[in-house]
mmCIF file of all heavy atoms, coordinates in Angstrom:
data_MODEL
# 
_entry.id   MODEL 
# 
loop_
_atom_site.group_PDB 
_atom_site.id 
_atom_site.type_symbol 
_atom_site.label_atom_id 
_atom_site.label_alt_id 
_atom_site.label_comp_id 
_atom_site.label_asym_id 
_atom_site.label_entity_id 
_atom_site.label_seq_id 
_atom_site.pdbx_PDB_ins_code 
_atom_site.Cartn_x 
_atom_site.Cartn_y 
_atom_site.Cartn_z 
_atom_site.occupancy 
_atom_site.B_iso_or_equiv 
_atom_site.pdbx_formal_charge 
_atom_site.auth_seq_id 
_atom_site.auth_comp_id 
_atom_site.auth_asym_id 
_atom_site.auth_atom_id 
_atom_site.pdbx_PDB_model_num 
ATOM 1   N N   . ARG A 1 1  ? 74.679 109.279 104.456 1.00 0.00 ? 1  ARG A N   1 
ATOM 2   C CA  . ARG A 1 1  ? 73.900 108.213 103.823 1.00 0.00 ? 1  ARG A CA  1 
ATOM 3   C C   . ARG A 1 1  ? 73.491 108.635 102.414 1.00 0.00 ? 1  ARG A C   1 
ATOM 4   O O   . ARG A 1 1  ? 73.153 109.796 102.187 1.00 0.00 ? 1  ARG A O   1 
ATOM 5   C CB  . ARG A 1 1  ? 72.661 107.899 104.657 1.00 0.00 ? 1  ARG A CB  1 
ATOM 6   C CG  . ARG A 1 1  ? 73.004 107.318 106.013 1.00 0.00 ? 1  ARG A CG  1 
ATOM 7   C CD  . ARG A 1 1  ? 71.775 107.153 106.892 1.00 0.00 ? 1  ARG A CD  1 
ATOM 8   N NE  . ARG A 1 1  ? 72.155 106.670 108.199 1.00 0.00 ? 1  ARG A NE  1 
ATOM 9   C CZ  . ARG A 1 1  ? 71.985 105.424 108.621 1.00 0.00 ? 1  ARG A CZ  1 
ATOM 10  N NH1 . ARG A 1 1  ? 71.422 104.540 107.826 1.00 0.00 ? 1  ARG A NH1 1 
ATOM 11  N NH2 . ARG A 1 1  ? 72.373 105.073 109.832 1.00 0.00 ? 1  ARG A NH2 1 
ATOM 12  N N   . PHE A 1 2  ? 73.524 107.671 101.514 1.00 0.00 ? 2  PHE A N   1 
ATOM 13  C CA  . PHE A 1 2  ? 73.089 107.935 100.148 1.00 0.00 ? 2  PHE A CA  1 
ATOM 14  C C   . PHE A 1 2  ? 72.697 106.622 99.484  1.00 0.00 ? 2  PHE A C   1 
ATOM 15  O O   . PHE A 1 2  ? 73.064 105.541 99.940  1.00 0.00 ? 2  PHE A O   1 
ATOM 16  C CB  . PHE A 1 2  ? 74.166 108.667 99.343  1.00 0.00 ? 2  PHE A CB  1 
ATOM 17  C CG  . PHE A 1 2  ? 75.436 107.884 99.116  1.00 0.00 ? 2  PHE A CG  1 
ATOM 18  C CD1 . PHE A 1 2  ? 75.730 107.356 97.866  1.00 0.00 ? 2  PHE A CD1 1 
ATOM 19  C CD2 . PHE A 1 2  ? 76.357 107.695 100.132 1.00 0.00 ? 2  PHE A CD2 1 
ATOM 20  C CE1 . PHE A 1 2  ? 76.895 106.642 97.642  1.00 0.00 ? 2  PHE A CE1 1 
ATOM 21  C CE2 . PHE A 1 2  ? 77.534 106.987 99.917  1.00 0.00 ? 2  PHE A CE2 1 
ATOM 22  C CZ  . PHE A 1 2  ? 77.807 106.452 98.676  1.00 0.00 ? 2  PHE A CZ  1 
ATOM 23  N N   . CYS A 1 3  ? 71.929 106.728 98.425  1.00 0.00 ? 3  CYS A N   1 
ATOM 24  C CA  . CYS A 1 3  ? 71.470 105.564 97.666  1.00 0.00 ? 3  CYS A CA  1 
ATOM 25  C C   . CYS A 1 3  ? 72.161 105.570 96.310  1.00 0.00 ? 3  CYS A C   1 
ATOM 26  O O   . CYS A 1 3  ? 72.323 106.619 95.698  1.00 0.00 ? 3  CYS A O   1 
ATOM 27  C CB  . CYS A 1 3  ? 69.961 105.618 97.470  1.00 0.00 ? 3  CYS A CB  1 
ATOM 28  S SG  . CYS A 1 3  ? 69.041 105.631 99.014  1.00 0.00 ? 3  CYS A SG  1 
ATOM 29  N N   . TYR A 1 4  ? 72.551 104.381 95.874  1.00 0.00 ? 4  TYR A N   1 
ATOM 30  C CA  . TYR A 1 4  ? 73.206 104.287 94.570  1.00 0.00 ? 4  TYR A CA  1 
ATOM 31  C C   . TYR A 1 4  ? 72.959 102.909 93.981  1.00 0.00 ? 4  TYR A C   1 
ATOM 32  O O   . TYR A 1 4  ? 72.637 101.952 94.674  1.00 0.00 ? 4  TYR A O   1 
ATOM 33  C CB  . TYR A 1 4  ? 74.713 104.562 94.677  1.00 0.00 ? 4  TYR A CB  1 
ATOM 34  C CG  . TYR A 1 4  ? 75.485 103.518 95.450  1.00 0.00 ? 4  TYR A CG  1 
ATOM 35  C CD1 . TYR A 1 4  ? 76.146 102.484 94.791  1.00 0.00 ? 4  TYR A CD1 1 
ATOM 36  C CD2 . TYR A 1 4  ? 75.556 103.555 96.838  1.00 0.00 ? 4  TYR A CD2 1 
ATOM 37  C CE1 . TYR A 1 4  ? 76.855 101.525 95.495  1.00 0.00 ? 4  TYR A CE1 1 
ATOM 38  C CE2 . TYR A 1 4  ? 76.264 102.607 97.548  1.00 0.00 ? 4  TYR A CE2 1 
ATOM 39  C CZ  . TYR A 1 4  ? 76.904 101.590 96.870  1.00 0.00 ? 4  TYR A CZ  1 
ATOM 40  O OH  . TYR A 1 4  ? 77.608 100.632 97.573  1.00 0.00 ? 4  TYR A OH  1 
ATOM 41  N N   . GLY A 1 5  ? 73.117 102.845 92.670  1.00 0.00 ? 5  GLY A N   1 
ATOM 42  C CA  . GLY A 1 5  ? 73.054 101.582 91.971  1.00 0.00 ? 5  GLY A CA  1 
ATOM 43  C C   . GLY A 1 5  ? 74.395 101.324 91.311  1.00 0.00 ? 5  GLY A C   1 
ATOM 44  O O   . GLY A 1 5  ? 75.173 102.253 91.083  1.00 0.00 ? 5  GLY A O   1 
ATOM 45  N N   . HIS A 1 6  ? 74.666 100.065 91.020  1.00 0.00 ? 6  HIS A N   1 
ATOM 46  C CA  . HIS A 1 6  ? 75.903 99.724  90.324  1.00 0.00 ? 6  HIS A CA  1 
ATOM 47  C C   . HIS A 1 6  ? 75.821 98.291  89.821  1.00 0.00 ? 6  HIS A C   1 
ATOM 48  O O   . HIS A 1 6  ? 74.830 97.594  90.039  1.00 0.00 ? 6  HIS A O   1 
ATOM 49  C CB  . HIS A 1 6  ? 77.127 99.921  91.228  1.00 0.00 ? 6  HIS A CB  1 
ATOM 50  C CG  . HIS A 1 6  ? 77.298 98.921  92.321  1.00 0.00 ? 6  HIS A CG  1 
ATOM 51  N ND1 . HIS A 1 6  ? 78.518 98.596  92.850  1.00 0.00 ? 6  HIS A ND1 1 
ATOM 52  C CD2 . HIS A 1 6  ? 76.400 98.158  93.000  1.00 0.00 ? 6  HIS A CD2 1 
ATOM 53  C CE1 . HIS A 1 6  ? 78.374 97.687  93.799  1.00 0.00 ? 6  HIS A CE1 1 
ATOM 54  N NE2 . HIS A 1 6  ? 77.094 97.417  93.918  1.00 0.00 ? 6  HIS A NE2 1 
ATOM 55  N N   . ARG A 1 7  ? 76.855 97.871  89.150  1.00 0.00 ? 7  ARG A N   1 
ATOM 56  C CA  . ARG A 1 7  ? 77.084 96.465  88.834  1.00 0.00 ? 7  ARG A CA  1 
ATOM 57  C C   . ARG A 1 7  ? 78.568 96.312  88.560  1.00 0.00 ? 7  ARG A C   1 
ATOM 58  O O   . ARG A 1 7  ? 79.282 97.290  88.291  1.00 0.00 ? 7  ARG A O   1 
ATOM 59  C CB  . ARG A 1 7  ? 76.239 96.000  87.665  1.00 0.00 ? 7  ARG A CB  1 
ATOM 60  C CG  . ARG A 1 7  ? 76.715 96.457  86.301  1.00 0.00 ? 7  ARG A CG  1 
ATOM 61  C CD  . ARG A 1 7  ? 75.944 95.710  85.252  1.00 0.00 ? 7  ARG A CD  1 
ATOM 62  N NE  . ARG A 1 7  ? 76.268 96.173  83.906  1.00 0.00 ? 7  ARG A NE  1 
ATOM 63  C CZ  . ARG A 1 7  ? 75.714 95.651  82.843  1.00 0.00 ? 7  ARG A CZ  1 
ATOM 64  N NH1 . ARG A 1 7  ? 74.822 94.683  82.962  1.00 0.00 ? 7  ARG A NH1 1 
ATOM 65  N NH2 . ARG A 1 7  ? 76.029 96.097  81.642  1.00 0.00 ? 7  ARG A NH2 1 
ATOM 66  N N   . LEU A 1 8  ? 79.031 95.073  88.661  1.00 0.00 ? 8  LEU A N   1 
ATOM 67  C CA  . LEU A 1 8  ? 80.449 94.783  88.467  1.00 0.00 ? 8  LEU A CA  1 
ATOM 68  C C   . LEU A 1 8  ? 80.633 93.984  87.186  1.00 0.00 ? 8  LEU A C   1 
ATOM 69  O O   . LEU A 1 8  ? 80.026 92.917  87.024  1.00 0.00 ? 8  LEU A O   1 
ATOM 70  C CB  . LEU A 1 8  ? 81.002 93.999  89.667  1.00 0.00 ? 8  LEU A CB  1 
ATOM 71  C CG  . LEU A 1 8  ? 80.773 94.642  91.032  1.00 0.00 ? 8  LEU A CG  1 
ATOM 72  C CD1 . LEU A 1 8  ? 81.359 93.776  92.133  1.00 0.00 ? 8  LEU A CD1 1 
ATOM 73  C CD2 . LEU A 1 8  ? 81.341 96.052  91.077  1.00 0.00 ? 8  LEU A CD2 1 
ATOM 74  N N   . LEU A 1 9  ? 81.444 94.517  86.301  1.00 0.00 ? 9  LEU A N   1 
ATOM 75  C CA  . LEU A 1 9  ? 81.737 93.825  85.046  1.00 0.00 ? 9  LEU A CA  1 
ATOM 76  C C   . LEU A 1 9  ? 82.770 92.722  85.292  1.00 0.00 ? 9  LEU A C   1 
ATOM 77  O O   . LEU A 1 9  ? 83.626 92.847  86.176  1.00 0.00 ? 9  LEU A O   1 
ATOM 78  C CB  . LEU A 1 9  ? 82.262 94.816  84.016  1.00 0.00 ? 9  LEU A CB  1 
ATOM 79  C CG  . LEU A 1 9  ? 81.308 95.933  83.595  1.00 0.00 ? 9  LEU A CG  1 
ATOM 80  C CD1 . LEU A 1 9  ? 81.962 96.832  82.559  1.00 0.00 ? 9  LEU A CD1 1 
ATOM 81  C CD2 . LEU A 1 9  ? 79.991 95.374  83.075  1.00 0.00 ? 9  LEU A CD2 1 
ATOM 82  N N   . ALA A 1 10 ? 82.676 91.663  84.505  1.00 0.00 ? 10 ALA A N   1 
ATOM 83  C CA  . ALA A 1 10 ? 83.603 90.527  84.580  1.00 0.00 ? 10 ALA A CA  1 
ATOM 84  C C   . ALA A 1 10 ? 83.579 89.874  85.959  1.00 0.00 ? 10 ALA A C   1 
ATOM 85  O O   . ALA A 1 10 ? 84.589 89.372  86.439  1.00 0.00 ? 10 ALA A O   1 
ATOM 86  C CB  . ALA A 1 10 ? 85.026 90.954  84.203  1.00 0.00 ? 10 ALA A CB  1 
ATOM 87  N N   . TYR A 1 11 ? 82.427 89.891  86.603  1.00 0.00 ? 11 TYR A N   1 
ATOM 88  C CA  . TYR A 1 11 ? 82.262 89.319  87.936  1.00 0.00 ? 11 TYR A CA  1 
ATOM 89  C C   . TYR A 1 11 ? 81.280 88.154  87.837  1.00 0.00 ? 11 TYR A C   1 
ATOM 90  O O   . TYR A 1 11 ? 80.214 88.286  87.228  1.00 0.00 ? 11 TYR A O   1 
ATOM 91  C CB  . TYR A 1 11 ? 81.726 90.391  88.888  1.00 0.00 ? 11 TYR A CB  1 
ATOM 92  C CG  . TYR A 1 11 ? 81.498 89.914  90.301  1.00 0.00 ? 11 TYR A CG  1 
ATOM 93  C CD1 . TYR A 1 11 ? 82.564 89.711  91.169  1.00 0.00 ? 11 TYR A CD1 1 
ATOM 94  C CD2 . TYR A 1 11 ? 80.210 89.668  90.765  1.00 0.00 ? 11 TYR A CD2 1 
ATOM 95  C CE1 . TYR A 1 11 ? 82.357 89.274  92.462  1.00 0.00 ? 11 TYR A CE1 1 
ATOM 96  C CE2 . TYR A 1 11 ? 79.993 89.232  92.061  1.00 0.00 ? 11 TYR A CE2 1 
ATOM 97  C CZ  . TYR A 1 11 ? 81.071 89.034  92.902  1.00 0.00 ? 11 TYR A CZ  1 
ATOM 98  O OH  . TYR A 1 11 ? 80.856 88.605  94.187  1.00 0.00 ? 11 TYR A OH  1 
ATOM 99  N N   . ASP A 1 12 ? 81.619 87.034  88.440  1.00 0.00 ? 12 ASP A N   1 
ATOM 100 C CA  . ASP A 1 12 ? 80.762 85.855  88.366  1.00 0.00 ? 12 ASP A CA  1 
ATOM 101 C C   . ASP A 1 12 ? 79.983 85.697  89.668  1.00 0.00 ? 12 ASP A C   1 
ATOM 102 O O   . ASP A 1 12 ? 80.284 84.852  90.492  1.00 0.00 ? 12 ASP A O   1 
ATOM 103 C CB  . ASP A 1 12 ? 81.605 84.603  88.095  1.00 0.00 ? 12 ASP A CB  1 
ATOM 104 C CG  . ASP A 1 12 ? 80.746 83.386  87.828  1.00 0.00 ? 12 ASP A CG  1 
ATOM 105 O OD1 . ASP A 1 12 ? 79.598 83.558  87.367  1.00 0.00 ? 12 ASP A OD1 1 
ATOM 106 O OD2 . ASP A 1 12 ? 81.213 82.264  88.099  1.00 0.00 ? 12 ASP A OD2 1 
ATOM 107 N N   . GLY A 1 13 ? 79.005 86.554  89.851  1.00 0.00 ? 13 GLY A N   1 
ATOM 108 C CA  . GLY A 1 13 ? 78.165 86.515  91.047  1.00 0.00 ? 13 GLY A CA  1 
ATOM 109 C C   . GLY A 1 13 ? 76.978 87.432  90.844  1.00 0.00 ? 13 GLY A C   1 
ATOM 110 O O   . GLY A 1 13 ? 76.807 88.044  89.786  1.00 0.00 ? 13 GLY A O   1 
ATOM 111 N N   . LYS A 1 14 ? 76.152 87.560  91.889  1.00 0.00 ? 14 LYS A N   1 
ATOM 112 C CA  . LYS A 1 14 ? 74.936 88.374  91.778  1.00 0.00 ? 14 LYS A CA  1 
ATOM 113 C C   . LYS A 1 14 ? 75.224 89.820  91.404  1.00 0.00 ? 14 LYS A C   1 
ATOM 114 O O   . LYS A 1 14 ? 74.414 90.461  90.730  1.00 0.00 ? 14 LYS A O   1 
ATOM 115 C CB  . LYS A 1 14 ? 74.172 88.355  93.109  1.00 0.00 ? 14 LYS A CB  1 
ATOM 116 C CG  . LYS A 1 14 ? 73.506 87.050  93.436  1.00 0.00 ? 14 LYS A CG  1 
ATOM 117 C CD  . LYS A 1 14 ? 72.758 87.168  94.754  1.00 0.00 ? 14 LYS A CD  1 
ATOM 118 C CE  . LYS A 1 14 ? 72.064 85.895  95.127  1.00 0.00 ? 14 LYS A CE  1 
ATOM 119 N NZ  . LYS A 1 14 ? 71.334 86.037  96.400  1.00 0.00 ? 14 LYS A NZ  1 
ATOM 120 N N   . CYS A 1 15 ? 76.343 90.350  91.831  1.00 0.00 ? 15 CYS A N   1 
ATOM 121 C CA  . CYS A 1 15 ? 76.642 91.770  91.593  1.00 0.00 ? 15 CYS A CA  1 
ATOM 122 C C   . CYS A 1 15 ? 76.992 92.084  90.142  1.00 0.00 ? 15 CYS A C   1 
ATOM 123 O O   . CYS A 1 15 ? 77.278 93.229  89.808  1.00 0.00 ? 15 CYS A O   1 
ATOM 124 C CB  . CYS A 1 15 ? 77.750 92.244  92.530  1.00 0.00 ? 15 CYS A CB  1 
ATOM 125 S SG  . CYS A 1 15 ? 77.218 92.305  94.253  1.00 0.00 ? 15 CYS A SG  1 
ATOM 126 N N   . ARG A 1 16 ? 76.928 91.086  89.271  1.00 0.00 ? 16 ARG A N   1 
ATOM 127 C CA  . ARG A 1 16 ? 77.123 91.367  87.837  1.00 0.00 ? 16 ARG A CA  1 
ATOM 128 C C   . ARG A 1 16 ? 75.882 92.008  87.234  1.00 0.00 ? 16 ARG A C   1 
ATOM 129 O O   . ARG A 1 16 ? 75.907 92.546  86.143  1.00 0.00 ? 16 ARG A O   1 
ATOM 130 C CB  . ARG A 1 16 ? 77.517 90.103  87.089  1.00 0.00 ? 16 ARG A CB  1 
ATOM 131 C CG  . ARG A 1 16 ? 76.400 89.102  86.913  1.00 0.00 ? 16 ARG A CG  1 
ATOM 132 C CD  . ARG A 1 16 ? 76.892 87.851  86.154  1.00 0.00 ? 16 ARG A CD  1 
ATOM 133 N NE  . ARG A 1 16 ? 75.849 86.877  86.016  1.00 0.00 ? 16 ARG A NE  1 
ATOM 134 C CZ  . ARG A 1 16 ? 75.638 85.871  86.857  1.00 0.00 ? 16 ARG A CZ  1 
ATOM 135 N NH1 . ARG A 1 16 ? 76.414 85.727  87.910  1.00 0.00 ? 16 ARG A NH1 1 
ATOM 136 N NH2 . ARG A 1 16 ? 74.654 85.020  86.653  1.00 0.00 ? 16 ARG A NH2 1 
ATOM 137 N N   . HIS A 1 17 ? 74.762 91.932  87.976  1.00 0.00 ? 17 HIS A N   1 
ATOM 138 C CA  . HIS A 1 17 ? 73.500 92.521  87.528  1.00 0.00 ? 17 HIS A CA  1 
ATOM 139 C C   . HIS A 1 17 ? 73.325 93.915  88.135  1.00 0.00 ? 17 HIS A C   1 
ATOM 140 O O   . HIS A 1 17 ? 73.792 94.187  89.240  1.00 0.00 ? 17 HIS A O   1 
ATOM 141 C CB  . HIS A 1 17 ? 72.316 91.642  87.954  1.00 0.00 ? 17 HIS A CB  1 
ATOM 142 C CG  . HIS A 1 17 ? 72.417 90.243  87.446  1.00 0.00 ? 17 HIS A CG  1 
ATOM 143 N ND1 . HIS A 1 17 ? 72.302 89.926  86.110  1.00 0.00 ? 17 HIS A ND1 1 
ATOM 144 C CD2 . HIS A 1 17 ? 72.638 89.077  88.103  1.00 0.00 ? 17 HIS A CD2 1 
ATOM 145 C CE1 . HIS A 1 17 ? 72.436 88.619  85.962  1.00 0.00 ? 17 HIS A CE1 1 
ATOM 146 N NE2 . HIS A 1 17 ? 72.643 88.077  87.153  1.00 0.00 ? 17 HIS A NE2 1 
ATOM 147 N N   . LEU A 1 18 ? 72.608 94.774  87.427  1.00 0.00 ? 18 LEU A N   1 
ATOM 148 C CA  . LEU A 1 18 ? 72.291 96.096  87.970  1.00 0.00 ? 18 LEU A CA  1 
ATOM 149 C C   . LEU A 1 18 ? 71.477 95.916  89.250  1.00 0.00 ? 18 LEU A C   1 
ATOM 150 O O   . LEU A 1 18 ? 70.526 95.131  89.279  1.00 0.00 ? 18 LEU A O   1 
ATOM 151 C CB  . LEU A 1 18 ? 71.480 96.908  86.955  1.00 0.00 ? 18 LEU A CB  1 
ATOM 152 C CG  . LEU A 1 18 ? 72.204 97.307  85.671  1.00 0.00 ? 18 LEU A CG  1 
ATOM 153 C CD1 . LEU A 1 18 ? 71.210 97.928  84.695  1.00 0.00 ? 18 LEU A CD1 1 
ATOM 154 C CD2 . LEU A 1 18 ? 73.349 98.252  85.956  1.00 0.00 ? 18 LEU A CD2 1 
ATOM 155 N N   . HIS A 1 19 ? 71.883 96.626  90.300  1.00 0.00 ? 19 HIS A N   1 
ATOM 156 C CA  . HIS A 1 19 ? 71.189 96.551  91.588  1.00 0.00 ? 19 HIS A CA  1 
ATOM 157 C C   . HIS A 1 19 ? 71.534 97.786  92.399  1.00 0.00 ? 19 HIS A C   1 
ATOM 158 O O   . HIS A 1 19 ? 72.400 98.569  92.016  1.00 0.00 ? 19 HIS A O   1 
ATOM 159 C CB  . HIS A 1 19 ? 71.561 95.268  92.348  1.00 0.00 ? 19 HIS A CB  1 
ATOM 160 C CG  . HIS A 1 19 ? 72.996 95.204  92.748  1.00 0.00 ? 19 HIS A CG  1 
ATOM 161 N ND1 . HIS A 1 19 ? 74.014 94.919  91.849  1.00 0.00 ? 19 HIS A ND1 1 
ATOM 162 C CD2 . HIS A 1 19 ? 73.591 95.409  93.946  1.00 0.00 ? 19 HIS A CD2 1 
ATOM 163 C CE1 . HIS A 1 19 ? 75.175 94.942  92.490  1.00 0.00 ? 19 HIS A CE1 1 
ATOM 164 N NE2 . HIS A 1 19 ? 74.946 95.238  93.765  1.00 0.00 ? 19 HIS A NE2 1 
ATOM 165 N N   . GLY A 1 20 ? 70.867 97.964  93.517  1.00 0.00 ? 20 GLY A N   1 
ATOM 166 C CA  . GLY A 1 20 ? 71.074 99.171  94.306  1.00 0.00 ? 20 GLY A CA  1 
ATOM 167 C C   . GLY A 1 20 ? 71.408 98.902  95.759  1.00 0.00 ? 20 GLY A C   1 
ATOM 168 O O   . GLY A 1 20 ? 71.232 97.793  96.263  1.00 0.00 ? 20 GLY A O   1 
ATOM 169 N N   . HIS A 1 21 ? 71.896 99.956  96.414  1.00 0.00 ? 21 HIS A N   1 
ATOM 170 C CA  . HIS A 1 21 ? 72.278 99.894  97.828  1.00 0.00 ? 21 HIS A CA  1 
ATOM 171 C C   . HIS A 1 21 ? 71.864 101.175 98.538  1.00 0.00 ? 21 HIS A C   1 
ATOM 172 O O   . HIS A 1 21 ? 71.832 102.250 97.932  1.00 0.00 ? 21 HIS A O   1 
ATOM 173 C CB  . HIS A 1 21 ? 73.798 99.760  97.987  1.00 0.00 ? 21 HIS A CB  1 
ATOM 174 C CG  . HIS A 1 21 ? 74.347 98.472  97.496  1.00 0.00 ? 21 HIS A CG  1 
ATOM 175 N ND1 . HIS A 1 21 ? 74.239 97.299  98.200  1.00 0.00 ? 21 HIS A ND1 1 
ATOM 176 C CD2 . HIS A 1 21 ? 75.022 98.175  96.357  1.00 0.00 ? 21 HIS A CD2 1 
ATOM 177 C CE1 . HIS A 1 21 ? 74.826 96.326  97.524  1.00 0.00 ? 21 HIS A CE1 1 
ATOM 178 N NE2 . HIS A 1 21 ? 75.301 96.827  96.389  1.00 0.00 ? 21 HIS A NE2 1 
ATOM 179 N N   . ASN A 1 22 ? 71.591 101.044 99.817  1.00 0.00 ? 22 ASN A N   1 
ATOM 180 C CA  . ASN A 1 22 ? 71.480 102.190 100.716 1.00 0.00 ? 22 ASN A CA  1 
ATOM 181 C C   . ASN A 1 22 ? 72.819 102.272 101.431 1.00 0.00 ? 22 ASN A C   1 
ATOM 182 O O   . ASN A 1 22 ? 73.053 101.565 102.412 1.00 0.00 ? 22 ASN A O   1 
ATOM 183 C CB  . ASN A 1 22 ? 70.339 101.993 101.722 1.00 0.00 ? 22 ASN A CB  1 
ATOM 184 C CG  . ASN A 1 22 ? 68.993 101.986 101.042 1.00 0.00 ? 22 ASN A CG  1 
ATOM 185 O OD1 . ASN A 1 22 ? 68.725 102.813 100.180 1.00 0.00 ? 22 ASN A OD1 1 
ATOM 186 N ND2 . ASN A 1 22 ? 68.146 101.057 101.406 1.00 0.00 ? 22 ASN A ND2 1 
ATOM 187 N N   . GLY A 1 23 ? 73.698 103.092 100.906 1.00 0.00 ? 23 GLY A N   1 
ATOM 188 C CA  . GLY A 1 23 ? 75.064 103.154 101.409 1.00 0.00 ? 23 GLY A CA  1 
ATOM 189 C C   . GLY A 1 23 ? 75.247 104.155 102.536 1.00 0.00 ? 23 GLY A C   1 
ATOM 190 O O   . GLY A 1 23 ? 74.453 105.082 102.700 1.00 0.00 ? 23 GLY A O   1 
ATOM 191 N N   . ARG A 1 24 ? 76.302 103.925 103.308 1.00 0.00 ? 24 ARG A N   1 
ATOM 192 C CA  . ARG A 1 24 ? 76.696 104.850 104.373 1.00 0.00 ? 24 ARG A CA  1 
ATOM 193 C C   . ARG A 1 24 ? 78.194 105.081 104.255 1.00 0.00 ? 24 ARG A C   1 
ATOM 194 O O   . ARG A 1 24 ? 78.983 104.144 104.399 1.00 0.00 ? 24 ARG A O   1 
ATOM 195 C CB  . ARG A 1 24 ? 76.384 104.271 105.760 1.00 0.00 ? 24 ARG A CB  1 
ATOM 196 C CG  . ARG A 1 24 ? 74.921 104.107 106.023 1.00 0.00 ? 24 ARG A CG  1 
ATOM 197 C CD  . ARG A 1 24 ? 74.651 103.610 107.444 1.00 0.00 ? 24 ARG A CD  1 
ATOM 198 N NE  . ARG A 1 24 ? 75.151 102.248 107.618 1.00 0.00 ? 24 ARG A NE  1 
ATOM 199 C CZ  . ARG A 1 24 ? 75.880 101.841 108.647 1.00 0.00 ? 24 ARG A CZ  1 
ATOM 200 N NH1 . ARG A 1 24 ? 76.214 102.670 109.615 1.00 0.00 ? 24 ARG A NH1 1 
ATOM 201 N NH2 . ARG A 1 24 ? 76.273 100.585 108.736 1.00 0.00 ? 24 ARG A NH2 1 
# 
């Protein structure tokens, strides 16, 4: 488990903004 932030460039949705996840 780890925590990270990201965003997707050239994406037309919420993930175009900086945001974070608790990933597994």
